[in-house]
């Protein structure tokens, strides 16, 4: 059996396109599971964000603009 450490080490060696494909495969597997439950902290974080949004403390961005902003910050 392959250990998680071995899988992580192998994933580090993948090209970016292969890493994205692996992420898509993992997500597809998670999303098919009926017994998977989002952790409690996730619901709490969403509720906090919704509250900040209602109070005007959050800015809603277009997804493409948000990605551009994040990329620009890395430079």
C-alpha atoms as a PDB file:
ATOM      1  CA  UNK A   1       0.000   0.000   0.000  1.00  0.00           C
ATOM      2  CA  UNK A   2       1.212   3.491  -0.855  1.00  0.00           C
ATOM      3  CA  UNK A   3       1.562   5.918   2.045  1.00  0.00           C
ATOM      4  CA  UNK A   4       0.250   9.463   2.031  1.00  0.00           C
ATOM      5  CA  UNK A   5       3.845  10.741   2.199  1.00  0.00           C
ATOM      6  CA  UNK A   6       4.711   8.798  -0.946  1.00  0.00           C
ATOM      7  CA  UNK A   7       1.646  10.171  -2.737  1.00  0.00           C
ATOM      8  CA  UNK A   8       2.541  13.724  -1.687  1.00  0.00           C
ATOM      9  CA  UNK A   9       6.122  13.271  -2.884  1.00  0.00           C
ATOM     10  CA  UNK A  10       4.905  11.924  -6.226  1.00  0.00           C
ATOM     11  CA  UNK A  11       2.416  14.795  -6.578  1.00  0.00           C
ATOM     12  CA  UNK A  12       5.241  17.295  -6.072  1.00  0.00           C
ATOM     13  CA  UNK A  13       6.925  15.872  -9.181  1.00  0.00           C
ATOM     14  CA  UNK A  14       3.899  16.379 -11.439  1.00  0.00           C
ATOM     15  CA  UNK A  15       3.651  19.108 -14.043  1.00  0.00           C
ATOM     16  CA  UNK A  16       1.079  21.822 -13.281  1.00  0.00           C
ATOM     17  CA  UNK A  17      -1.408  20.399 -15.796  1.00  0.00           C
ATOM     18  CA  UNK A  18      -1.087  16.952 -14.183  1.00  0.00           C
ATOM     19  CA  UNK A  19      -1.588  18.456 -10.718  1.00  0.00           C
ATOM     20  CA  UNK A  20      -4.816  20.098 -11.867  1.00  0.00           C
ATOM     21  CA  UNK A  21      -6.008  16.792 -13.317  1.00  0.00           C
ATOM     22  CA  UNK A  22      -5.206  15.069 -10.016  1.00  0.00           C
ATOM     23  CA  UNK A  23      -7.132  17.738  -8.084  1.00  0.00           C
ATOM     24  CA  UNK A  24     -10.119  17.290 -10.391  1.00  0.00           C
ATOM     25  CA  UNK A  25     -10.003  13.525  -9.868  1.00  0.00           C
ATOM     26  CA  UNK A  26      -9.823  13.912  -6.092  1.00  0.00           C
ATOM     27  CA  UNK A  27     -12.682  16.424  -6.060  1.00  0.00           C
ATOM     28  CA  UNK A  28     -14.836  14.215  -8.272  1.00  0.00           C
ATOM     29  CA  UNK A  29     -14.304  11.347  -5.843  1.00  0.00           C
ATOM     30  CA  UNK A  30     -15.189  13.504  -2.843  1.00  0.00           C
ATOM     31  CA  UNK A  31     -18.275  14.961  -4.470  1.00  0.00           C
ATOM     32  CA  UNK A  32     -19.682  11.507  -5.271  1.00  0.00           C
ATOM     33  CA  UNK A  33     -19.613  10.416  -1.639  1.00  0.00           C
ATOM     34  CA  UNK A  34     -22.949  10.718   0.152  1.00  0.00           C
ATOM     35  CA  UNK A  35     -21.361  10.367   3.579  1.00  0.00           C
ATOM     36  CA  UNK A  36     -18.969  13.307   3.208  1.00  0.00           C
ATOM     37  CA  UNK A  37     -19.881  16.195   5.490  1.00  0.00           C
ATOM     38  CA  UNK A  38     -18.400  19.659   5.409  1.00  0.00           C
ATOM     39  CA  UNK A  39     -16.640  20.435   8.720  1.00  0.00           C
ATOM     40  CA  UNK A  40     -18.400  22.707  11.220  1.00  0.00           C
ATOM     41  CA  UNK A  41     -15.752  25.418  10.878  1.00  0.00           C
ATOM     42  CA  UNK A  42     -16.646  25.739   7.196  1.00  0.00           C
ATOM     43  CA  UNK A  43     -20.256  26.643   7.974  1.00  0.00           C
ATOM     44  CA  UNK A  44     -19.059  29.099  10.603  1.00  0.00           C
ATOM     45  CA  UNK A  45     -16.650  30.745   8.144  1.00  0.00           C
ATOM     46  CA  UNK A  46     -19.421  31.068   5.559  1.00  0.00           C
ATOM     47  CA  UNK A  47     -21.769  32.616   8.132  1.00  0.00           C
ATOM     48  CA  UNK A  48     -19.087  35.133   9.157  1.00  0.00           C
ATOM     49  CA  UNK A  49     -18.484  36.055   5.520  1.00  0.00           C
ATOM     50  CA  UNK A  50     -22.213  36.487   4.873  1.00  0.00           C
ATOM     51  CA  UNK A  51     -22.451  38.771   7.908  1.00  0.00           C
ATOM     52  CA  UNK A  52     -19.508  40.898   6.736  1.00  0.00           C
ATOM     53  CA  UNK A  53     -21.088  41.082   3.280  1.00  0.00           C
ATOM     54  CA  UNK A  54     -24.425  42.228   4.743  1.00  0.00           C
ATOM     55  CA  UNK A  55     -22.607  44.868   6.818  1.00  0.00           C
ATOM     56  CA  UNK A  56     -20.651  46.132   3.816  1.00  0.00           C
ATOM     57  CA  UNK A  57     -17.334  44.726   5.021  1.00  0.00           C
ATOM     58  CA  UNK A  58     -16.865  42.412   2.028  1.00  0.00           C
ATOM     59  CA  UNK A  59     -16.505  43.230  -1.632  1.00  0.00           C
ATOM     60  CA  UNK A  60     -18.028  40.902  -4.211  1.00  0.00           C
ATOM     61  CA  UNK A  61     -15.699  40.373  -7.147  1.00  0.00           C
ATOM     62  CA  UNK A  62     -16.157  38.734 -10.494  1.00  0.00           C
ATOM     63  CA  UNK A  63     -14.287  35.400 -10.458  1.00  0.00           C
ATOM     64  CA  UNK A  64     -12.016  36.390 -13.353  1.00  0.00           C
ATOM     65  CA  UNK A  65     -11.182  39.698 -11.635  1.00  0.00           C
ATOM     66  CA  UNK A  66     -10.466  37.923  -8.345  1.00  0.00           C
ATOM     67  CA  UNK A  67      -8.033  35.532 -10.066  1.00  0.00           C
ATOM     68  CA  UNK A  68      -6.319  38.454 -11.805  1.00  0.00           C
ATOM     69  CA  UNK A  69      -5.984  40.329  -8.507  1.00  0.00           C
ATOM     70  CA  UNK A  70      -4.441  37.278  -6.836  1.00  0.00           C
ATOM     71  CA  UNK A  71      -1.995  36.769  -9.697  1.00  0.00           C
ATOM     72  CA  UNK A  72      -0.988  40.436  -9.623  1.00  0.00           C
ATOM     73  CA  UNK A  73      -0.242  40.206  -5.884  1.00  0.00           C
ATOM     74  CA  UNK A  74       2.225  37.344  -6.477  1.00  0.00           C
ATOM     75  CA  UNK A  75       4.402  39.474  -8.730  1.00  0.00           C
END
